[in-house]
């Protein structure tokens, strides 16, 4: 998807996620001269990316001769109240503000911006670092079809993009896809430990766990079948998989535990955002 900008793009925060997005934009042909990066200390791999494209990160942005078309905010939520107001002063009537700061509401940005400024709140996840993330976006009332297209193009550089119109659902989105990679990594960690407990050497146990989780995820991604059908396809009646699933699914089992985990994460998100 081509990325077309009507003016400068400001990236505020260029850590792991900001750096991943920047790499995706540059790979899709965005002119480096149209990108301004504000970050007092990006990680070494991002510094190398910036240098390869003739860019540099600065602690603060000077006044601009041209109003930015997009401001992408990718800083830690706890730093937002200090970092965003000076950047918000650079926004014009046509500027789109796209935030990936977890837990920060649309209203928390609107209060620093001119009335009617388009604001999109988004939640990506860490597989964005390899272009396989998924980001869910929520717009304010000023966001147009053209603004949505711009967000789609910018975020598609790091994976899939979805939209919701009810901001209250962002805590649930964060609990499922934002925090979700940690749940998958825990599964791989537990599977590796279980393999070692059964006598498999640690190096092979790690390979088995990682390849199984990664391969199953790739199959799930590419298959037209839903997860339940794929599970059934692996499960022969009375076989080894059925024996294992009888443990994982007993008395609510993994499904109930995952529901409780996602509910706990969503509840904590609401608490942090209040």
Protein backbone atom coordinates (compact mmCIF):
# COMPACT_ATOMS: atom_id res chain seq x y z
CA UNK A 1 0.00 0.00 0.00
CA UNK A 2 1.52 3.30 -1.11
CA UNK A 3 2.02 5.98 1.51
CA UNK A 4 1.11 9.45 0.26
CA UNK A 5 1.66 12.45 2.49
CA UNK A 6 0.61 16.02 1.88
CA UNK A 7 3.36 17.47 4.04
CA UNK A 8 5.94 16.59 6.70
CA UNK A 9 5.47 13.59 8.96
CA UNK A 10 6.60 14.01 12.56
CA UNK A 11 7.51 10.86 14.48
CA UNK A 12 7.60 11.55 18.21
CA UNK A 13 9.42 8.66 19.88
CA UNK A 14 11.66 6.33 17.94
CA UNK A 15 12.17 3.32 20.18
CA UNK A 16 11.38 -0.25 19.17
CA UNK A 17 7.86 0.36 17.90
CA UNK A 18 8.54 3.80 16.45
CA UNK A 19 11.68 2.44 14.81
CA UNK A 20 9.77 -0.50 13.34
CA UNK A 21 7.21 1.86 11.81
CA UNK A 22 9.92 4.14 10.47
CA UNK A 23 11.69 1.19 8.84
CA UNK A 24 8.40 0.14 7.24
CA UNK A 25 7.70 3.62 5.87
CA UNK A 26 11.15 3.96 4.40
CA UNK A 27 10.91 0.50 2.84
CA UNK A 28 7.65 1.60 1.18
CA UNK A 29 9.25 4.59 -0.44
CA UNK A 30 8.48 7.49 1.88
CA UNK A 31 10.97 10.27 1.19
CA UNK A 32 13.27 10.54 4.23
CA UNK A 33 13.33 14.31 3.73
CA UNK A 34 9.63 14.41 4.63
CA UNK A 35 10.18 12.74 8.03
CA UNK A 36 11.15 14.57 11.22
CA UNK A 37 12.10 12.45 14.24
CA UNK A 38 11.95 13.65 17.85
CA UNK A 39 13.66 11.39 20.37
CA UNK A 40 16.42 12.27 22.86
CA UNK A 41 18.06 8.84 22.70
CA UNK A 42 16.90 6.21 20.20
CA UNK A 43 18.40 2.70 20.53
CA UNK A 44 21.54 1.86 18.50
CA UNK A 45 19.72 -0.13 15.82
CA UNK A 46 17.40 2.83 15.19
CA UNK A 47 20.34 5.25 15.10
CA UNK A 48 21.88 3.05 12.40
CA UNK A 49 18.60 3.12 10.44
CA UNK A 50 18.44 6.89 10.70
CA UNK A 51 22.02 7.30 9.56
CA UNK A 52 21.52 5.03 6.54
CA UNK A 53 18.76 7.35 5.35
CA UNK A 54 20.39 10.66 6.23
CA UNK A 55 18.11 11.27 9.18
CA UNK A 56 18.78 12.28 12.77
CA UNK A 57 16.69 12.25 15.92
CA UNK A 58 16.51 15.51 17.85
CA UNK A 59 15.44 16.08 21.49
CA UNK A 60 12.97 18.79 20.45
CA UNK A 61 11.63 20.07 17.17
CA UNK A 62 12.00 23.70 16.10
CA UNK A 63 9.17 25.63 14.52
CA UNK A 64 8.23 24.40 11.05
CA UNK A 65 7.73 26.41 7.88
CA UNK A 66 5.11 23.89 6.76
CA UNK A 67 2.41 22.38 8.93
CA UNK A 68 2.79 18.63 9.41
CA UNK A 69 0.35 16.36 7.61
CA UNK A 70 0.72 13.68 10.26
CA UNK A 71 2.08 13.55 13.81
CA UNK A 72 2.71 9.99 14.97
CA UNK A 73 3.08 9.74 18.75
CA UNK A 74 5.06 6.70 19.88
CA UNK A 75 6.35 7.64 23.32
CA UNK A 76 5.72 5.95 26.67
CA UNK A 77 2.35 6.96 28.15
CA UNK A 78 3.96 8.28 31.33
CA UNK A 79 5.99 10.79 29.28
CA UNK A 80 3.05 12.02 27.23
CA UNK A 81 2.03 15.02 29.32
CA UNK A 82 5.54 16.45 29.04
CA UNK A 83 6.36 15.50 25.45
CA UNK A 84 3.11 16.06 23.57
CA UNK A 85 2.07 19.69 24.33
CA UNK A 86 5.08 21.30 22.53
CA UNK A 87 4.51 19.02 19.53
CA UNK A 88 0.77 19.73 19.54
CA UNK A 89 1.60 23.41 19.07
CA UNK A 90 2.99 22.50 15.63
CA UNK A 91 -0.30 20.98 14.44
CA UNK A 92 -2.43 22.76 11.87
CA UNK A 93 -6.07 22.48 10.91
CA UNK A 94 -5.33 19.64 8.46
CA UNK A 95 -2.91 17.71 10.69
CA UNK A 96 -3.74 14.11 11.59
CA UNK A 97 -2.54 12.92 15.02
CA UNK A 98 -1.96 9.18 15.28
CA UNK A 99 -1.12 7.83 18.74
CA UNK A 100 0.14 4.36 19.66
CA UNK A 101 0.53 5.23 23.34
CA UNK A 102 -1.18 2.51 25.39
CA UNK A 103 -3.93 3.71 27.69
CA UNK A 104 -3.96 7.33 26.52
CA UNK A 105 -7.45 8.38 25.50
CA UNK A 106 -8.39 10.41 22.46
CA UNK A 107 -9.56 13.19 24.81
CA UNK A 108 -6.11 13.40 26.41
CA UNK A 109 -4.75 14.50 23.01
CA UNK A 110 -7.69 16.65 21.97
CA UNK A 111 -7.27 18.97 24.94
CA UNK A 112 -3.84 20.05 23.60
CA UNK A 113 -5.00 20.48 19.99
CA UNK A 114 -7.13 22.99 18.06
CA UNK A 115 -10.83 22.05 18.02
CA UNK A 116 -11.67 19.74 15.14
CA UNK A 117 -8.21 18.16 14.86
CA UNK A 118 -8.34 14.58 13.59
CA UNK A 119 -7.04 12.13 16.22
CA UNK A 120 -6.68 8.37 15.87
CA UNK A 121 -5.82 6.17 18.82
CA UNK A 122 -4.12 2.93 17.82
CA UNK A 123 -2.84 -0.21 19.53
CA UNK A 124 -0.17 -2.20 17.68
CA UNK A 125 1.66 -5.24 19.02
CA UNK A 126 5.29 -6.35 19.10
CA UNK A 127 5.23 -8.61 16.00
CA UNK A 128 5.20 -5.28 14.16
CA UNK A 129 8.98 -5.45 14.58
CA UNK A 130 9.03 -8.10 11.82
CA UNK A 131 6.11 -6.72 9.82
CA UNK A 132 3.62 -9.25 11.22
CA UNK A 133 1.82 -7.13 13.78
CA UNK A 134 -1.80 -6.15 13.99
CA UNK A 135 -2.96 -2.67 14.91
CA UNK A 136 -6.49 -1.65 15.88
CA UNK A 137 -7.47 1.99 15.43
CA UNK A 138 -10.21 4.17 16.90
CA UNK A 139 -11.00 7.61 15.37
CA UNK A 140 -12.47 10.77 16.80
CA UNK A 141 -15.34 12.56 15.08
CA UNK A 142 -13.00 14.68 12.92
CA UNK A 143 -11.38 11.70 11.17
CA UNK A 144 -12.34 11.45 7.51
CA UNK A 145 -12.17 8.60 5.01
CA UNK A 146 -8.93 10.12 3.73
CA UNK A 147 -7.49 10.16 7.25
CA UNK A 148 -8.38 6.49 7.66
CA UNK A 149 -6.63 5.69 4.40
CA UNK A 150 -3.51 7.48 5.60
CA UNK A 151 -3.54 5.52 8.87
CA UNK A 152 -4.10 2.27 6.98
CA UNK A 153 -1.09 2.98 4.77
CA UNK A 154 1.18 4.01 7.65
CA UNK A 155 0.26 1.07 9.88
CA UNK A 156 0.11 -1.55 7.11
CA UNK A 157 3.88 -1.07 6.92
CA UNK A 158 4.12 -3.19 10.10
CA UNK A 159 1.21 -5.61 9.66
CA UNK A 160 -2.58 -5.84 9.55
CA UNK A 161 -4.92 -2.99 10.47
CA UNK A 162 -8.44 -3.04 11.93
CA UNK A 163 -10.86 -0.35 13.13
CA UNK A 164 -13.38 0.10 15.93
CA UNK A 165 -15.63 3.10 16.61
CA UNK A 166 -16.18 2.57 20.35
CA UNK A 167 -13.09 3.71 22.26
CA UNK A 168 -14.20 1.72 25.31
CA UNK A 169 -13.19 -1.43 23.43
CA UNK A 170 -9.54 -0.36 23.26
CA UNK A 171 -8.84 -1.88 26.67
CA UNK A 172 -10.13 -5.23 25.42
CA UNK A 173 -8.09 -4.88 22.22
CA UNK A 174 -5.00 -4.17 24.31
CA UNK A 175 -5.72 -7.20 26.48
CA UNK A 176 -6.06 -9.52 23.47
CA UNK A 177 -3.57 -8.39 20.83
CA UNK A 178 -1.42 -5.81 22.63
CA UNK A 179 -0.62 -8.12 25.55
CA UNK A 180 -1.29 -11.30 23.57
CA UNK A 181 2.28 -11.93 22.37
CA UNK A 182 3.29 -12.41 26.02
CA UNK A 183 0.67 -15.14 26.38
CA UNK A 184 2.08 -16.93 23.32
CA UNK A 185 5.65 -16.57 24.59
CA UNK A 186 4.54 -18.03 27.92
CA UNK A 187 3.09 -21.00 26.04
CA UNK A 188 6.42 -21.56 24.29
CA UNK A 189 8.25 -21.19 27.60
CA UNK A 190 5.97 -23.72 29.32
CA UNK A 191 6.18 -26.15 26.40
CA UNK A 192 9.98 -25.99 26.49
CA UNK A 193 10.04 -26.70 30.24
CA UNK A 194 7.61 -29.61 29.81
CA UNK A 195 9.82 -31.09 27.10
CA UNK A 196 12.86 -30.88 29.37
CA UNK A 197 10.88 -32.53 32.19
CA UNK A 198 10.20 -35.45 29.83
CA UNK A 199 13.94 -35.91 29.27
CA UNK A 200 14.52 -33.96 26.06
CA UNK A 201 17.83 -32.05 26.01
CA UNK A 202 17.33 -28.29 26.57
CA UNK A 203 18.61 -27.13 23.15
CA UNK A 204 16.26 -29.47 21.31
CA UNK A 205 13.42 -28.67 23.73
CA UNK A 206 13.77 -25.00 22.85
CA UNK A 207 13.81 -25.75 19.12
CA UNK A 208 10.75 -27.97 19.40
CA UNK A 209 8.77 -25.41 21.39
CA UNK A 210 9.68 -22.43 19.23
CA UNK A 211 9.19 -24.19 15.90
CA UNK A 212 5.89 -25.67 17.01
CA UNK A 213 4.47 -22.36 18.19
CA UNK A 214 5.80 -20.42 15.20
CA UNK A 215 4.74 -23.01 12.65
CA UNK A 216 1.29 -23.41 14.15
CA UNK A 217 0.85 -19.65 14.15
CA UNK A 218 1.85 -19.46 10.49
CA UNK A 219 -0.57 -22.25 9.61
CA UNK A 220 -3.36 -20.49 11.50
CA UNK A 221 -2.57 -17.23 9.71
CA UNK A 222 -2.63 -18.78 6.24
CA UNK A 223 -5.50 -21.24 6.67
CA UNK A 224 -9.13 -20.52 5.87
CA UNK A 225 -10.15 -22.86 8.69
CA UNK A 226 -10.91 -21.48 12.13
CA UNK A 227 -8.77 -22.35 15.13
CA UNK A 228 -11.20 -24.93 16.48
CA UNK A 229 -11.22 -26.85 13.19
CA UNK A 230 -7.43 -26.82 12.97
CA UNK A 231 -7.28 -28.16 16.53
CA UNK A 232 -9.69 -30.97 15.67
CA UNK A 233 -7.60 -31.87 12.62
CA UNK A 234 -4.61 -32.61 14.88
CA UNK A 235 -6.68 -34.58 17.39
CA UNK A 236 -7.28 -38.27 16.74
CA UNK A 237 -9.88 -39.86 19.05
CA UNK A 238 -8.14 -41.71 21.85
CA UNK A 239 -4.70 -40.52 20.71
CA UNK A 240 -1.88 -38.60 22.35
CA UNK A 241 -3.24 -35.14 21.47
CA UNK A 242 -6.64 -36.04 22.87
CA UNK A 243 -4.98 -37.12 26.11
CA UNK A 244 -3.22 -33.78 26.42
CA UNK A 245 -6.31 -31.75 25.51
CA UNK A 246 -8.36 -33.58 28.11
CA UNK A 247 -6.06 -31.96 30.68
CA UNK A 248 -5.96 -28.51 29.05
CA UNK A 249 -9.75 -28.41 28.57
CA UNK A 250 -10.88 -30.02 31.83
CA UNK A 251 -13.38 -28.00 33.90
CA UNK A 252 -13.03 -24.92 31.72
CA UNK A 253 -9.28 -25.36 31.56
CA UNK A 254 -7.24 -23.17 29.26
CA UNK A 255 -10.26 -21.44 27.71
CA UNK A 256 -11.55 -20.26 31.09
CA UNK A 257 -8.07 -19.30 32.24
CA UNK A 258 -7.50 -17.23 29.09
CA UNK A 259 -10.84 -15.47 29.53
CA UNK A 260 -9.86 -14.54 33.09
CA UNK A 261 -6.43 -13.37 31.94
CA UNK A 262 -7.83 -11.13 29.20
CA UNK A 263 -10.46 -9.75 31.60
CA UNK A 264 -7.72 -8.94 34.14
CA UNK A 265 -5.64 -7.16 31.50
CA UNK A 266 -8.65 -5.17 30.26
CA UNK A 267 -9.56 -4.19 33.82
CA UNK A 268 -6.01 -3.00 34.47
CA UNK A 269 -6.11 -1.00 31.24
CA UNK A 270 -9.24 0.79 32.40
CA UNK A 271 -7.61 1.54 35.74
CA UNK A 272 -4.50 2.99 34.09
CA UNK A 273 -6.58 5.10 31.74
CA UNK A 274 -8.79 6.58 34.43
